[in-house]
């Protein structure tokens, strides 16, 4: 298989939620409408069916419908990345192949974590190598210890980065030293992306090429501005902006997660429905807290 190592991954990407209706069914009408609005922003691209997209709560046939509907809306000039992480290597391979068939530009593959103590460096290298060997599109590694309970260590990433079809990584742990180590341990054409808006500025300064940020769903222009300011060398302005977004970032990520993000998006005018059970919508008190957090960014 001929691999395409060159893929433009610089910039800010939104890991969008999967819309469900009140009965818990996939709502592709809501998805298409929300994506059309996001396309009016300067985002570099979109990630669907990631952790923010409630991927672990979506059946395989539903996943195909989501990919197909989103690809129909997202133009080729925007990167279209699909989360295809699965617990078994066999399932992850099939998910990557299916996503590619449906139009994914790349796949984002989270670490399997159910058998935590068995997820050694060798296990991860074998898993990702098998997926990358089979995938018709480039593969991005995905490390998110808070959700999976396992960590893809730098030595494993360094080995995997030599694979011609593994082009980058989303690192969601809020550890700038880890970002710096990953950049130092991988080739220059391997793209390290920050997954935490709370450390976005600092991650960019140590070599991350962009971010896949939940905050970018709610405040895409602000996240892109932070990226642009940093790359322009306007560090004082970038640091100030980073501090301004911290309170809302904490509410969305460490505070209320996907239900909070969906509530915040509703307040921001994006109709993405409700979370899927067993997740439950946030309370009215939380909605008011999120409303205040959004209002604090209005002058930006």
Protein backbone atom coordinates (compact mmCIF):
# COMPACT_ATOMS: atom_id res chain seq x y z
CA UNK A 1 0.00 0.00 0.00
CA UNK A 2 1.28 3.47 -0.89
CA UNK A 3 1.09 5.84 2.07
CA UNK A 4 0.66 9.60 2.06
CA UNK A 5 2.88 10.94 4.83
CA UNK A 6 2.17 14.54 3.88
CA UNK A 7 -1.00 15.85 5.54
CA UNK A 8 -1.70 19.40 6.63
CA UNK A 9 -2.59 19.22 10.33
CA UNK A 10 -1.62 22.69 11.48
CA UNK A 11 -4.30 24.81 13.14
CA UNK A 12 -7.37 24.36 15.28
CA UNK A 13 -9.74 21.41 14.89
CA UNK A 14 -13.14 21.01 16.54
CA UNK A 15 -13.99 17.57 17.98
CA UNK A 16 -17.70 17.92 17.43
CA UNK A 17 -20.42 16.20 19.46
CA UNK A 18 -22.73 13.66 17.88
CA UNK A 19 -26.31 14.99 17.86
CA UNK A 20 -29.06 12.80 19.30
CA UNK A 21 -32.76 13.56 19.44
CA UNK A 22 -34.89 13.33 22.60
CA UNK A 23 -35.42 9.62 21.99
CA UNK A 24 -31.67 9.00 21.84
CA UNK A 25 -31.51 8.44 18.08
CA UNK A 26 -28.75 9.74 15.81
CA UNK A 27 -29.91 13.06 14.36
CA UNK A 28 -28.12 13.71 11.07
CA UNK A 29 -30.32 16.73 10.33
CA UNK A 30 -28.97 18.48 13.41
CA UNK A 31 -25.45 17.35 12.49
CA UNK A 32 -25.60 18.82 9.00
CA UNK A 33 -27.03 22.11 10.25
CA UNK A 34 -24.41 22.51 12.97
CA UNK A 35 -21.57 21.68 10.59
CA UNK A 36 -22.76 24.28 8.09
CA UNK A 37 -22.50 26.90 10.81
CA UNK A 38 -19.06 25.70 11.93
CA UNK A 39 -17.92 25.93 8.31
CA UNK A 40 -18.40 29.70 8.52
CA UNK A 41 -15.62 29.85 11.10
CA UNK A 42 -11.84 29.68 10.46
CA UNK A 43 -11.43 26.15 11.86
CA UNK A 44 -8.88 24.02 10.01
CA UNK A 45 -11.06 20.96 10.19
CA UNK A 46 -13.26 18.65 12.22
CA UNK A 47 -13.02 15.46 14.22
CA UNK A 48 -16.14 13.33 14.46
CA UNK A 49 -16.79 10.28 16.62
CA UNK A 50 -14.06 11.05 19.09
CA UNK A 51 -14.47 11.09 22.86
CA UNK A 52 -16.42 14.36 22.61
CA UNK A 53 -18.55 12.69 19.95
CA UNK A 54 -19.68 9.98 22.39
CA UNK A 55 -18.18 7.41 20.05
CA UNK A 56 -18.22 4.62 22.64
CA UNK A 57 -22.01 5.01 22.83
CA UNK A 58 -22.54 4.72 19.06
CA UNK A 59 -23.19 1.47 17.17
CA UNK A 60 -21.17 0.65 14.05
CA UNK A 61 -24.06 1.23 11.66
CA UNK A 62 -24.81 4.54 13.38
CA UNK A 63 -21.16 5.52 13.06
CA UNK A 64 -21.34 4.95 9.32
CA UNK A 65 -24.40 7.19 9.06
CA UNK A 66 -22.66 9.95 11.01
CA UNK A 67 -19.54 9.77 8.84
CA UNK A 68 -21.54 9.76 5.62
CA UNK A 69 -23.70 12.74 6.66
CA UNK A 70 -20.75 14.79 7.91
CA UNK A 71 -18.58 14.09 4.87
CA UNK A 72 -21.42 15.24 2.66
CA UNK A 73 -21.25 18.67 4.32
CA UNK A 74 -17.54 19.14 5.01
CA UNK A 75 -15.66 20.28 1.87
CA UNK A 76 -12.36 18.75 0.84
CA UNK A 77 -10.48 21.95 1.77
CA UNK A 78 -11.18 21.23 5.45
CA UNK A 79 -9.59 18.26 7.18
CA UNK A 80 -12.13 15.57 8.03
CA UNK A 81 -10.88 13.22 10.74
CA UNK A 82 -12.86 10.27 12.08
CA UNK A 83 -12.37 8.59 15.44
CA UNK A 84 -11.99 4.84 14.91
CA UNK A 85 -10.58 3.64 18.22
CA UNK A 86 -11.84 0.24 19.31
CA UNK A 87 -10.84 -2.19 22.06
CA UNK A 88 -9.79 -4.96 19.67
CA UNK A 89 -7.21 -4.52 16.96
CA UNK A 90 -9.47 -6.35 14.52
CA UNK A 91 -12.34 -3.93 15.16
CA UNK A 92 -10.05 -0.90 14.96
CA UNK A 93 -8.77 -2.06 11.57
CA UNK A 94 -12.29 -2.55 10.26
CA UNK A 95 -13.41 0.83 11.61
CA UNK A 96 -10.49 2.58 9.90
CA UNK A 97 -11.20 0.86 6.60
CA UNK A 98 -14.89 1.72 6.80
CA UNK A 99 -14.19 5.38 7.67
CA UNK A 100 -11.81 5.65 4.72
CA UNK A 101 -14.42 4.20 2.38
CA UNK A 102 -16.90 6.80 3.61
CA UNK A 103 -14.52 9.69 2.95
CA UNK A 104 -12.34 10.24 6.01
CA UNK A 105 -9.11 12.13 5.34
CA UNK A 106 -7.51 10.51 8.38
CA UNK A 107 -8.47 8.41 11.40
CA UNK A 108 -7.91 9.17 15.07
CA UNK A 109 -7.32 5.97 17.05
CA UNK A 110 -7.59 6.10 20.83
CA UNK A 111 -5.65 3.67 22.95
CA UNK A 112 -7.52 0.50 23.93
CA UNK A 113 -7.70 0.40 27.71
CA UNK A 114 -10.04 -2.25 29.06
CA UNK A 115 -7.21 -4.65 29.87
CA UNK A 116 -5.11 -1.89 31.38
CA UNK A 117 -2.30 -3.93 32.91
CA UNK A 118 -1.70 -5.73 29.61
CA UNK A 119 -1.42 -2.52 27.60
CA UNK A 120 2.37 -2.45 27.43
CA UNK A 121 4.54 -0.56 24.97
CA UNK A 122 4.81 -3.71 22.86
CA UNK A 123 1.03 -4.20 22.87
CA UNK A 124 0.46 -0.62 21.74
CA UNK A 125 3.13 -0.80 19.04
CA UNK A 126 1.63 -4.02 17.66
CA UNK A 127 -1.91 -2.61 17.81
CA UNK A 128 -1.18 0.66 16.05
CA UNK A 129 1.14 -0.94 13.51
CA UNK A 130 -1.61 -3.34 12.46
CA UNK A 131 -4.11 -0.50 12.11
CA UNK A 132 -1.66 1.68 10.18
CA UNK A 133 -0.67 -1.18 7.88
CA UNK A 134 -4.31 -1.74 6.93
CA UNK A 135 -5.71 1.78 6.94
CA UNK A 136 -6.17 3.37 3.48
CA UNK A 137 -5.83 6.83 5.09
CA UNK A 138 -3.30 8.32 7.54
CA UNK A 139 -3.51 7.39 11.21
CA UNK A 140 -3.32 9.68 14.24
CA UNK A 141 -2.50 8.23 17.64
CA UNK A 142 -4.74 9.37 20.50
CA UNK A 143 -3.70 9.46 24.15
CA UNK A 144 -6.26 10.42 26.80
CA UNK A 145 -5.34 8.80 30.10
CA UNK A 146 -8.20 10.41 32.05
CA UNK A 147 -10.70 8.43 29.97
CA UNK A 148 -8.86 5.25 29.05
CA UNK A 149 -6.79 4.74 32.20
CA UNK A 150 -3.69 3.94 30.14
CA UNK A 151 -0.89 6.07 28.74
CA UNK A 152 0.82 5.80 25.39
CA UNK A 153 4.40 6.43 26.47
CA UNK A 154 6.91 8.50 24.52
CA UNK A 155 9.08 5.50 23.62
CA UNK A 156 6.09 3.80 21.96
CA UNK A 157 5.20 6.98 20.08
CA UNK A 158 8.79 7.38 18.89
CA UNK A 159 8.73 3.89 17.42
CA UNK A 160 5.30 4.31 15.85
CA UNK A 161 6.18 7.70 14.37
CA UNK A 162 8.55 5.90 12.01
CA UNK A 163 5.62 4.17 10.34
CA UNK A 164 4.89 5.95 7.04
CA UNK A 165 1.13 5.88 7.65
CA UNK A 166 1.19 7.24 11.22
CA UNK A 167 1.34 11.00 10.72
CA UNK A 168 0.65 12.49 14.11
CA UNK A 169 -0.91 12.32 17.54
CA UNK A 170 -3.49 13.98 19.75
CA UNK A 171 -2.13 14.29 23.28
CA UNK A 172 -5.00 15.16 25.63
CA UNK A 173 -3.17 14.99 28.94
CA UNK A 174 -2.58 18.51 30.28
CA UNK A 175 1.16 17.96 30.54
CA UNK A 176 3.26 20.37 28.52
CA UNK A 177 6.44 18.46 29.35
CA UNK A 178 4.88 15.40 27.71
CA UNK A 179 4.09 17.47 24.60
CA UNK A 180 7.68 18.70 24.53
CA UNK A 181 9.05 15.17 24.90
CA UNK A 182 6.81 13.91 22.09
CA UNK A 183 7.96 16.68 19.74
CA UNK A 184 11.61 15.95 20.55
CA UNK A 185 11.23 12.19 20.10
CA UNK A 186 9.45 12.23 16.73
CA UNK A 187 10.39 13.27 13.16
CA UNK A 188 9.73 16.81 11.96
CA UNK A 189 6.91 15.61 9.71
CA UNK A 190 5.07 13.98 12.63
CA UNK A 191 2.36 16.33 13.90
CA UNK A 192 1.79 16.61 17.65
CA UNK A 193 -1.62 18.14 18.42
CA UNK A 194 -2.66 19.43 21.82
CA UNK A 195 -5.97 18.12 23.14
CA UNK A 196 -6.31 20.51 26.07
CA UNK A 197 -7.35 24.14 25.63
CA UNK A 198 -6.02 24.91 29.10
CA UNK A 199 -2.45 24.31 27.90
CA UNK A 200 -2.87 25.25 24.25
CA UNK A 201 -0.61 28.31 24.21
CA UNK A 202 2.24 26.63 26.08
CA UNK A 203 1.94 23.50 23.95
CA UNK A 204 2.32 25.60 20.81
CA UNK A 205 5.45 27.22 22.18
CA UNK A 206 7.11 23.82 22.69
CA UNK A 207 6.33 22.50 19.22
CA UNK A 208 2.71 21.38 18.96
CA UNK A 209 1.39 22.27 15.50
CA UNK A 210 -2.21 22.79 16.54
CA UNK A 211 -5.00 21.58 18.73
CA UNK A 212 -8.10 19.40 18.76
CA UNK A 213 -10.02 21.35 21.38
CA UNK A 214 -13.52 20.93 22.81
CA UNK A 215 -13.55 24.68 23.42
CA UNK A 216 -13.19 25.16 19.66
CA UNK A 217 -16.72 23.82 19.23
CA UNK A 218 -18.10 26.67 21.36
CA UNK A 219 -15.60 29.43 20.65
CA UNK A 220 -13.87 28.58 17.36
CA UNK A 221 -12.80 32.12 16.49
CA UNK A 222 -11.18 32.66 19.90
CA UNK A 223 -9.24 29.38 19.71
CA UNK A 224 -8.03 30.21 16.20
CA UNK A 225 -7.01 33.68 17.38
CA UNK A 226 -4.91 32.16 20.15
CA UNK A 227 -3.19 29.95 17.58
CA UNK A 228 -2.60 32.90 15.24
CA UNK A 229 -1.28 35.20 17.97
CA UNK A 230 1.19 32.57 19.12
CA UNK A 231 2.48 31.90 15.61
CA UNK A 232 2.82 35.62 15.01
CA UNK A 233 5.06 35.93 18.06
CA UNK A 234 2.56 38.09 19.95
CA UNK A 235 3.14 36.17 23.14
CA UNK A 236 1.87 38.70 25.64
CA UNK A 237 -1.46 38.90 23.81
CA UNK A 238 -1.56 35.11 23.48
CA UNK A 239 -0.88 34.56 27.18
CA UNK A 240 -3.59 37.05 28.11
CA UNK A 241 -6.09 35.29 25.85
CA UNK A 242 -5.08 31.90 27.27
CA UNK A 243 -5.88 33.14 30.76
CA UNK A 244 -9.24 34.49 29.65
CA UNK A 245 -10.43 31.15 28.29
CA UNK A 246 -9.34 29.05 31.28
CA UNK A 247 -12.53 29.34 33.39
CA UNK A 248 -14.83 28.20 30.56
CA UNK A 249 -12.37 25.50 29.54
CA UNK A 250 -12.42 24.06 33.05
CA UNK A 251 -16.22 24.05 33.08
CA UNK A 252 -16.42 22.24 29.75
CA UNK A 253 -13.69 19.66 30.22
CA UNK A 254 -12.91 18.85 33.84
CA UNK A 255 -16.23 20.19 35.09
CA UNK A 256 -19.21 18.91 33.12
CA UNK A 257 -17.80 17.02 30.14
CA UNK A 258 -19.92 16.16 27.11
CA UNK A 259 -23.27 17.08 28.72
CA UNK A 260 -21.81 20.47 29.65
CA UNK A 261 -20.42 20.98 26.16
CA UNK A 262 -23.76 20.19 24.57
CA UNK A 263 -25.50 22.62 26.93
CA UNK A 264 -22.94 25.33 26.17
CA UNK A 265 -23.37 24.77 22.45
CA UNK A 266 -27.11 25.16 22.83
CA UNK A 267 -26.51 28.51 24.54
CA UNK A 268 -24.17 29.48 21.71
CA UNK A 269 -26.81 28.72 19.09
CA UNK A 270 -25.67 25.24 17.99
CA UNK A 271 -28.45 22.68 18.26
CA UNK A 272 -26.73 19.36 18.93
CA UNK A 273 -29.43 17.76 21.02
CA UNK A 274 -28.93 15.92 24.29
CA UNK A 275 -26.30 13.44 25.47
CA UNK A 276 -27.01 9.74 25.02
CA UNK A 277 -27.76 7.59 28.07
CA UNK A 278 -26.17 6.75 30.40
CA UNK A 279 -24.99 10.37 30.18
CA UNK A 280 -27.62 12.80 31.42
CA UNK A 281 -28.18 16.49 30.63
CA UNK A 282 -26.79 19.03 33.07
CA UNK A 283 -29.04 20.82 35.55
CA UNK A 284 -30.47 24.29 35.09
CA UNK A 285 -27.99 25.54 37.69
CA UNK A 286 -25.13 24.28 35.53
CA UNK A 287 -26.69 25.85 32.44
CA UNK A 288 -26.64 29.19 34.21
CA UNK A 289 -23.01 28.65 35.20
CA UNK A 290 -22.16 27.92 31.57
CA UNK A 291 -24.12 30.97 30.45
CA UNK A 292 -21.97 33.14 32.72
CA UNK A 293 -18.84 31.49 31.37
CA UNK A 294 -19.83 32.24 27.80
CA UNK A 295 -20.76 35.81 28.69
CA UNK A 296 -17.27 36.35 30.09
CA UNK A 297 -15.89 35.88 26.55
CA UNK A 298 -18.36 38.11 24.74
CA UNK A 299 -15.98 41.08 24.55
CA UNK A 300 -13.40 38.88 22.81
